[in-house]
Amino acid sequence: MCLCASLACAPIVRAPDFEGAHDRSTEASLLGPFDGQVVDGSTTEPISGATVLAIWTYDEGRGFVGAGGSVTRSFVTDAAGRYKIPAESPRRGAGTRRLVSFELIVYKRGYVGYRSDVGFEDERRPDFVQRHHRIALRKWRDTDSHADHLAYLRPPPELQPLVAWEERAANLDLYEAKTADADGAGARPTETSGTPSEAESKALALLDARTLLPPDEVKRRTGSATTFQVKDLTDLARTHFYHGVHLQAVTQDEEWDVAYRVWKAPPAGLESIEETFAASLPGVQASDDIVEPTWIYDSGEVRAVAFIDRPREIGVLLTCGPAQCIDVETALILAKFIYNRLDQLRTEPSP
């Protein structure tokens, strides 16, 4: 994945992070087409009637990248368990819209779902390919958590009618776990014991980074009189490990805006965040200005500072408009302020 594509001269369609096919000379493209087969992981028998969602995500903007919308197509596997997804026509914008990612989701009741970017155990998937892809679904076990499963799937609206039954099951799982612990019959930690379970943390909590850089602190350090509206960045979904905060200037252009993104112990590891920074800040060499590594980028449209705090497993990317941050040193001051307040990162209940 890659953020802040507008920091570079990005094409309309970004290069994919997956291959065209295994053991074949096949060119890969985020546009597709895609095809493959869904099988039972135990018997290798084809699974018919599985729902396959294809999701193309766009961003747009120059200095401050925001959500550019997404396109979702729904398909169903045939009797042989096969799916075929035609190539998508890229959406056009005013020169700032980019197709930045493709994601495949497979769902069949009675099995653990599939995402093309990450596995159910939070392991990063390196094996997804565009053509002739084989997906082996694992059968559902009584010990599996529906709450964990829904947190993993992050079902989009097109999938929610199919997982409605599982939402009720997830609530029941959490309720039974709390009841068992209260009665002393369960070893699974819950709110009763003061330690939320992993399922509850993922399903019921969101990372909250809003206190890391209050608007008044921005004004004090940049010397501006800007009035900010605090919003969530929408280019990535807010989760238990990610939060993007947008300080939007109320009556001024986006060159007065400030934004920062924070990752805390991401499932794909800090290496994925480091790859994002390296790709998003073209030509910038890592330094130790805040911690090692730190990246500092300066262009006519945006100042950017990114760093990774390995001991605390936190990655931060700050972007600041040139009117708000008159030089890159000002952006560095704001990033250092965030670094000094990382211990204030909290989670809050999900709506």
Protein backbone atom coordinates (compact mmCIF):
# COMPACT_ATOMS: atom_id res chain seq x y z
CA MET A 1 0.00 0.00 0.00
CA CYS A 2 1.08 3.55 -0.56
CA LEU A 3 -0.11 6.87 0.78
CA CYS A 4 0.29 10.50 -0.20
CA ALA A 5 0.80 9.60 -3.84
CA SER A 6 0.53 13.25 -4.74
CA LEU A 7 3.94 13.85 -3.24
CA ALA A 8 5.30 12.40 -6.48
CA CYS A 9 4.24 12.58 -10.10
CA ALA A 10 2.02 9.53 -9.78
CA PRO A 11 0.31 7.96 -12.77
CA ILE A 12 -3.45 7.61 -12.93
CA VAL A 13 -3.06 3.89 -12.14
CA ARG A 14 -0.47 2.96 -9.54
CA ALA A 15 1.79 -0.03 -10.03
CA PRO A 16 0.40 -3.12 -8.22
CA ASP A 17 2.10 -4.83 -5.29
CA PHE A 18 1.17 -8.29 -6.62
CA GLU A 19 2.34 -10.39 -9.55
CA GLY A 20 0.47 -11.28 -12.70
CA ALA A 21 0.57 -15.05 -12.14
CA HIS A 22 2.63 -17.82 -10.55
CA ASP A 23 5.25 -19.32 -12.87
CA ARG A 24 3.93 -17.33 -15.82
CA SER A 25 5.08 -14.27 -17.68
CA THR A 26 1.92 -12.25 -17.11
CA GLU A 27 1.85 -8.48 -16.73
CA ALA A 28 0.03 -7.27 -13.61
CA SER A 29 -2.29 -4.29 -13.33
CA LEU A 30 -4.58 -2.92 -10.64
CA LEU A 31 -7.26 -2.65 -13.30
CA GLY A 32 -7.39 -6.41 -13.90
CA PRO A 33 -8.78 -8.66 -15.20
CA PHE A 34 -8.68 -11.14 -12.31
CA ASP A 35 -9.57 -14.82 -12.19
CA GLY A 36 -9.04 -17.84 -9.99
CA GLN A 37 -10.62 -20.72 -8.10
CA VAL A 38 -11.94 -21.09 -4.56
CA VAL A 39 -11.53 -24.55 -2.96
CA ASP A 40 -11.99 -26.26 0.37
CA GLY A 41 -8.65 -26.15 2.19
CA SER A 42 -9.10 -29.66 3.61
CA THR A 43 -10.58 -31.57 0.68
CA THR A 44 -9.47 -29.34 -2.26
CA GLU A 45 -13.03 -29.66 -3.57
CA PRO A 46 -14.28 -26.55 -5.40
CA ILE A 47 -16.58 -24.21 -3.45
CA SER A 48 -19.50 -22.95 -5.48
CA GLY A 49 -21.68 -20.03 -4.47
CA ALA A 50 -18.91 -18.17 -2.63
CA THR A 51 -19.25 -14.38 -2.76
CA VAL A 52 -16.25 -12.63 -4.32
CA LEU A 53 -15.93 -8.85 -3.91
CA ALA A 54 -13.53 -6.85 -6.07
CA ILE A 55 -12.74 -3.40 -4.63
CA TRP A 56 -10.82 -0.68 -6.48
CA THR A 57 -9.86 2.30 -4.29
CA TYR A 58 -8.96 5.81 -5.47
CA ASP A 59 -7.40 8.85 -3.83
CA GLU A 60 -7.17 12.40 -5.05
CA GLY A 61 -5.58 15.72 -4.20
CA ARG A 62 -2.15 17.26 -4.53
CA GLY A 63 -0.81 18.47 -1.20
CA PHE A 64 -3.30 16.62 0.99
CA VAL A 65 -4.40 13.26 -0.24
CA GLY A 66 -8.03 12.41 0.47
CA ALA A 67 -10.41 9.66 -0.45
CA GLY A 68 -11.34 9.61 -4.12
CA GLY A 69 -14.02 6.99 -3.74
CA SER A 70 -14.07 3.30 -4.52
CA VAL A 71 -15.73 0.87 -6.90
CA THR A 72 -17.00 -2.50 -5.66
CA ARG A 73 -18.13 -5.35 -7.91
CA SER A 74 -19.74 -8.53 -6.58
CA PHE A 75 -19.37 -11.98 -8.14
CA VAL A 76 -20.27 -15.57 -7.23
CA THR A 77 -18.12 -18.65 -7.87
CA ASP A 78 -19.52 -21.17 -10.36
CA ALA A 79 -19.91 -24.94 -9.93
CA ALA A 80 -16.16 -25.37 -10.41
CA GLY A 81 -15.43 -22.75 -7.75
CA ARG A 82 -14.11 -20.31 -10.34
CA TYR A 83 -14.48 -16.55 -10.48
CA LYS A 84 -13.79 -14.15 -13.35
CA ILE A 85 -13.56 -10.40 -12.82
CA PRO A 86 -13.43 -8.22 -15.94
CA ALA A 87 -10.94 -5.37 -16.16
CA GLU A 88 -12.14 -2.13 -14.62
CA SER A 89 -12.15 1.16 -16.52
CA PRO A 90 -10.25 3.75 -14.42
CA ARG A 91 -12.33 6.59 -13.05
CA ARG A 92 -11.29 9.98 -14.35
CA GLY A 93 -10.79 13.09 -12.26
CA ALA A 94 -9.36 16.55 -12.64
CA GLY A 95 -5.81 15.31 -12.99
CA THR A 96 -5.45 14.42 -9.30
CA ARG A 97 -7.40 11.14 -9.02
CA ARG A 98 -5.39 7.94 -8.83
CA LEU A 99 -6.28 4.26 -8.63
CA VAL A 100 -4.16 3.21 -5.65
CA SER A 101 -5.21 -0.29 -4.64
CA PHE A 102 -7.16 -3.42 -5.46
CA GLU A 103 -8.54 -5.79 -2.85
CA LEU A 104 -10.28 -9.14 -3.17
CA ILE A 105 -12.61 -10.47 -0.44
CA VAL A 106 -14.11 -13.98 -0.51
CA TYR A 107 -16.91 -15.03 1.85
CA LYS A 108 -18.76 -18.33 2.26
CA ARG A 109 -20.70 -19.23 5.38
CA GLY A 110 -19.07 -22.14 7.17
CA TYR A 111 -15.55 -21.02 6.24
CA VAL A 112 -13.05 -18.42 7.39
CA GLY A 113 -13.15 -15.56 4.89
CA TYR A 114 -10.30 -14.45 2.67
CA ARG A 115 -8.70 -11.07 2.06
CA SER A 116 -6.02 -10.61 -0.58
CA ASP A 117 -3.92 -8.28 1.58
CA VAL A 118 -3.74 -10.04 4.94
CA GLY A 119 -4.59 -13.41 6.50
CA PHE A 120 -6.92 -14.19 9.41
CA GLU A 121 -3.97 -14.52 11.77
CA ASP A 122 -2.76 -11.02 10.81
CA GLU A 123 -0.01 -12.38 8.58
CA ARG A 124 0.72 -10.39 5.46
CA ARG A 125 -0.13 -12.20 2.22
CA PRO A 126 2.76 -12.34 -0.26
CA ASP A 127 1.14 -14.89 -2.59
CA PHE A 128 -1.83 -13.10 -4.17
CA VAL A 129 -1.66 -13.05 -7.98
CA GLN A 130 -3.91 -11.50 -10.57
CA ARG A 131 -4.51 -14.50 -12.84
CA HIS A 132 -5.11 -18.20 -12.09
CA HIS A 133 -5.14 -17.54 -8.34
CA ARG A 134 -6.09 -20.43 -6.03
CA ILE A 135 -7.82 -19.62 -2.74
CA ALA A 136 -8.09 -22.40 -0.15
CA LEU A 137 -10.70 -21.58 2.51
CA ARG A 138 -10.41 -23.10 5.96
CA LYS A 139 -13.56 -24.57 7.49
CA TRP A 140 -14.94 -22.77 10.52
CA ARG A 141 -13.98 -24.19 13.91
CA ASP A 142 -15.95 -23.99 17.13
CA THR A 143 -12.96 -22.27 18.74
CA ASP A 144 -12.93 -19.45 16.14
CA SER A 145 -14.22 -16.05 17.21
CA HIS A 146 -16.91 -14.34 15.17
CA ALA A 147 -15.79 -11.01 16.64
CA ASP A 148 -12.24 -11.59 15.41
CA HIS A 149 -13.58 -12.73 12.06
CA LEU A 150 -15.64 -9.58 11.49
CA ALA A 151 -12.76 -7.36 12.61
CA TYR A 152 -10.61 -9.15 10.05
CA LEU A 153 -13.11 -8.97 7.19
CA ARG A 154 -14.10 -5.31 7.76
CA PRO A 155 -17.15 -6.12 5.61
CA PRO A 156 -18.07 -3.38 3.11
CA PRO A 157 -21.77 -2.52 2.60
CA GLU A 158 -22.10 -5.05 -0.23
CA LEU A 159 -21.15 -7.87 2.16
CA GLN A 160 -23.03 -6.76 5.27
CA PRO A 161 -26.34 -8.50 4.43
CA LEU A 162 -24.46 -11.82 4.28
CA VAL A 163 -22.66 -11.32 7.61
CA ALA A 164 -25.65 -9.99 9.59
CA TRP A 165 -26.07 -13.39 11.25
CA GLU A 166 -22.41 -13.33 12.25
CA GLU A 167 -22.73 -9.91 13.90
CA ARG A 168 -25.31 -11.39 16.24
CA ALA A 169 -23.04 -14.38 16.86
CA ALA A 170 -20.12 -12.05 17.62
CA ASN A 171 -22.15 -10.15 20.22
CA LEU A 172 -23.17 -13.46 21.77
CA ASP A 173 -19.55 -14.64 21.86
CA LEU A 174 -18.47 -11.51 23.72
CA TYR A 175 -21.41 -11.66 26.10
CA GLU A 176 -20.76 -15.31 26.95
CA ALA A 177 -17.07 -14.63 27.48
CA LYS A 178 -17.84 -11.83 29.94
CA THR A 179 -20.45 -13.92 31.75
CA ALA A 180 -18.12 -16.90 32.05
CA ASP A 181 -15.36 -14.72 33.45
CA ALA A 182 -17.70 -13.08 35.94
CA ASP A 183 -18.72 -16.53 37.18
CA GLY A 184 -15.09 -17.62 37.46
CA ALA A 185 -15.61 -20.32 34.86
CA GLY A 186 -13.62 -18.79 32.03
CA ALA A 187 -9.96 -18.00 31.67
CA ARG A 188 -10.51 -15.59 28.82
CA PRO A 189 -9.80 -11.99 29.97
CA THR A 190 -12.69 -9.51 29.62
CA GLU A 191 -13.66 -6.08 30.87
CA THR A 192 -14.71 -7.73 34.15
CA SER A 193 -11.08 -8.65 34.83
CA GLY A 194 -9.88 -5.25 33.63
CA THR A 195 -8.09 -6.69 30.58
CA PRO A 196 -10.03 -6.65 27.28
CA SER A 197 -9.75 -9.77 25.17
CA GLU A 198 -8.12 -9.64 21.75
CA ALA A 199 -11.50 -10.10 20.10
CA GLU A 200 -13.00 -7.18 22.02
CA SER A 201 -10.01 -4.95 21.34
CA LYS A 202 -10.24 -5.52 17.59
CA ALA A 203 -14.00 -5.45 17.24
CA LEU A 204 -14.88 -2.71 19.71
CA ALA A 205 -11.92 -0.28 19.76
CA LEU A 206 -10.44 2.32 17.42
CA LEU A 207 -7.06 4.00 17.67
CA ASP A 208 -7.41 7.65 18.78
CA ALA A 209 -4.56 9.98 17.76
CA ARG A 210 -6.42 13.30 18.01
CA THR A 211 -4.64 14.40 21.19
CA LEU A 212 -1.17 14.12 19.66
CA LEU A 213 -1.33 17.50 17.89
CA PRO A 214 -4.04 19.88 19.15
CA PRO A 215 -4.91 22.82 16.83
CA ASP A 216 -3.77 25.37 19.42
CA GLU A 217 -0.30 23.79 19.46
CA VAL A 218 -0.10 24.07 15.66
CA LYS A 219 -0.97 27.76 15.79
CA ARG A 220 1.52 28.38 18.59
CA ARG A 221 4.36 26.72 16.70
CA THR A 222 3.60 28.06 13.21
CA GLY A 223 2.56 31.56 14.34
CA SER A 224 -0.67 31.46 12.31
CA ALA A 225 -4.17 32.46 13.35
CA THR A 226 -5.81 29.58 11.50
CA THR A 227 -9.05 28.08 12.79
CA PHE A 228 -9.05 24.33 12.28
CA GLN A 229 -11.77 21.74 12.00
CA VAL A 230 -10.55 18.34 13.22
CA LYS A 231 -11.62 15.48 10.97
CA ASP A 232 -10.61 11.92 10.17
CA LEU A 233 -8.64 11.33 6.99
CA THR A 234 -10.70 9.02 4.82
CA ASP A 235 -8.14 7.54 2.42
CA LEU A 236 -7.75 4.57 4.79
CA ALA A 237 -10.29 3.08 7.18
CA ARG A 238 -9.73 3.86 10.84
CA THR A 239 -8.92 0.70 12.78
CA HIS A 240 -7.51 -0.49 16.09
CA PHE A 241 -4.01 0.09 14.66
CA TYR A 242 -4.45 3.15 12.37
CA HIS A 243 -5.84 6.68 12.66
CA GLY A 244 -5.46 9.54 10.21
CA VAL A 245 -6.22 13.06 11.51
CA HIS A 246 -6.90 16.08 9.28
CA LEU A 247 -6.64 19.60 10.71
CA GLN A 248 -8.56 21.42 7.99
CA ALA A 249 -8.33 25.20 7.75
CA VAL A 250 -11.91 26.49 8.03
CA THR A 251 -11.80 29.56 5.78
CA GLN A 252 -8.54 29.03 3.88
CA ASP A 253 -7.16 26.86 1.10
CA GLU A 254 -5.67 23.41 1.72
CA GLU A 255 -2.16 24.88 1.73
CA TRP A 256 -3.02 25.91 5.30
CA ASP A 257 -3.99 22.35 6.31
CA VAL A 258 -2.08 19.94 8.49
CA ALA A 259 -2.57 16.16 8.52
CA TYR A 260 -0.93 13.25 10.28
CA ARG A 261 -1.28 9.48 10.12
CA VAL A 262 -0.40 7.14 12.96
CA TRP A 263 0.07 3.35 12.90
CA LYS A 264 0.39 1.41 16.16
CA ALA A 265 1.61 -2.20 15.85
CA PRO A 266 0.13 -2.71 12.34
CA PRO A 267 -0.71 -6.36 11.48
CA ALA A 268 1.55 -6.32 8.41
CA GLY A 269 4.47 -5.09 10.52
CA LEU A 270 6.48 -1.87 10.59
CA GLU A 271 8.28 -2.94 7.42
CA SER A 272 5.13 -2.24 5.41
CA ILE A 273 4.95 1.28 6.85
CA GLU A 274 8.63 1.86 6.10
CA GLU A 275 8.03 0.77 2.51
CA THR A 276 5.14 3.23 2.31
CA PHE A 277 7.29 6.11 3.53
CA ALA A 278 10.12 5.25 1.15
CA ALA A 279 7.74 5.12 -1.81
CA SER A 280 5.73 8.21 -0.83
CA LEU A 281 8.73 10.47 -0.21
CA PRO A 282 10.67 10.09 -3.46
CA GLY A 283 14.43 10.35 -3.31
CA VAL A 284 14.56 11.00 0.44
CA GLN A 285 17.19 9.17 2.48
CA ALA A 286 16.41 8.16 6.04
CA SER A 287 18.07 10.21 8.79
CA ASP A 288 17.98 10.37 12.58
CA ASP A 289 16.51 13.87 13.04
CA ILE A 290 13.78 12.59 15.39
CA VAL A 291 14.53 8.88 15.66
CA GLU A 292 16.20 6.48 13.30
CA PRO A 293 14.72 6.23 10.72
CA THR A 294 13.24 9.68 9.93
CA TRP A 295 12.31 10.94 6.47
CA ILE A 296 12.02 14.67 5.64
CA TYR A 297 10.51 15.84 2.36
CA ASP A 298 10.06 19.36 0.99
CA SER A 299 8.33 20.39 -2.23
CA GLY A 300 6.44 23.39 -3.47
CA GLU A 301 3.11 21.80 -2.51
CA VAL A 302 3.77 20.14 0.83
CA ARG A 303 6.28 19.62 3.64
CA ALA A 304 6.36 16.10 5.05
CA VAL A 305 8.05 14.35 7.96
CA ALA A 306 7.79 10.63 8.66
CA PHE A 307 9.40 8.51 11.36
CA ILE A 308 9.20 5.04 12.90
CA ASP A 309 9.56 4.49 16.64
CA ARG A 310 10.52 0.82 16.71
CA PRO A 311 10.49 0.28 20.50
CA ARG A 312 6.87 1.47 20.67
CA GLU A 313 5.96 -0.03 17.25
CA ILE A 314 4.60 3.28 16.00
CA GLY A 315 4.88 4.92 12.59
CA VAL A 316 3.92 8.56 11.93
CA LEU A 317 3.56 10.56 8.72
CA LEU A 318 2.91 14.30 9.02
CA THR A 319 2.11 16.57 6.06
CA CYS A 320 1.83 20.34 6.28
CA GLY A 321 0.81 22.88 3.65
CA PRO A 322 3.44 25.45 2.61
CA ALA A 323 1.35 28.37 3.89
CA GLN A 324 1.04 26.83 7.36
CA CYS A 325 4.61 25.48 7.49
CA ILE A 326 6.70 28.17 5.82
CA ASP A 327 9.71 25.86 5.82
CA VAL A 328 10.47 22.20 6.45
CA GLU A 329 11.94 23.03 9.86
CA THR A 330 8.45 24.07 10.99
CA ALA A 331 7.05 20.71 9.90
CA LEU A 332 9.88 19.01 11.77
CA ILE A 333 8.93 20.92 14.93
CA LEU A 334 5.34 19.67 14.65
CA ALA A 335 6.52 16.09 14.07
CA LYS A 336 8.78 16.27 17.14
CA PHE A 337 5.83 17.49 19.18
CA ILE A 338 3.86 14.40 18.10
CA TYR A 339 6.82 12.15 18.93
CA ASN A 340 6.99 13.55 22.48
CA ARG A 341 3.29 12.77 23.01
CA LEU A 342 3.12 9.25 21.57
CA ASP A 343 2.45 7.84 25.03
CA GLN A 344 -0.92 9.62 24.89
CA LEU A 345 -2.15 7.28 22.12
CA ARG A 346 -5.39 5.70 23.25
CA THR A 347 -8.23 3.60 21.89
CA GLU A 348 -11.91 4.43 22.05
CA PRO A 349 -15.03 2.31 21.59
CA SER A 350 -16.13 1.81 18.01
CA PRO A 351 -19.59 3.23 17.18
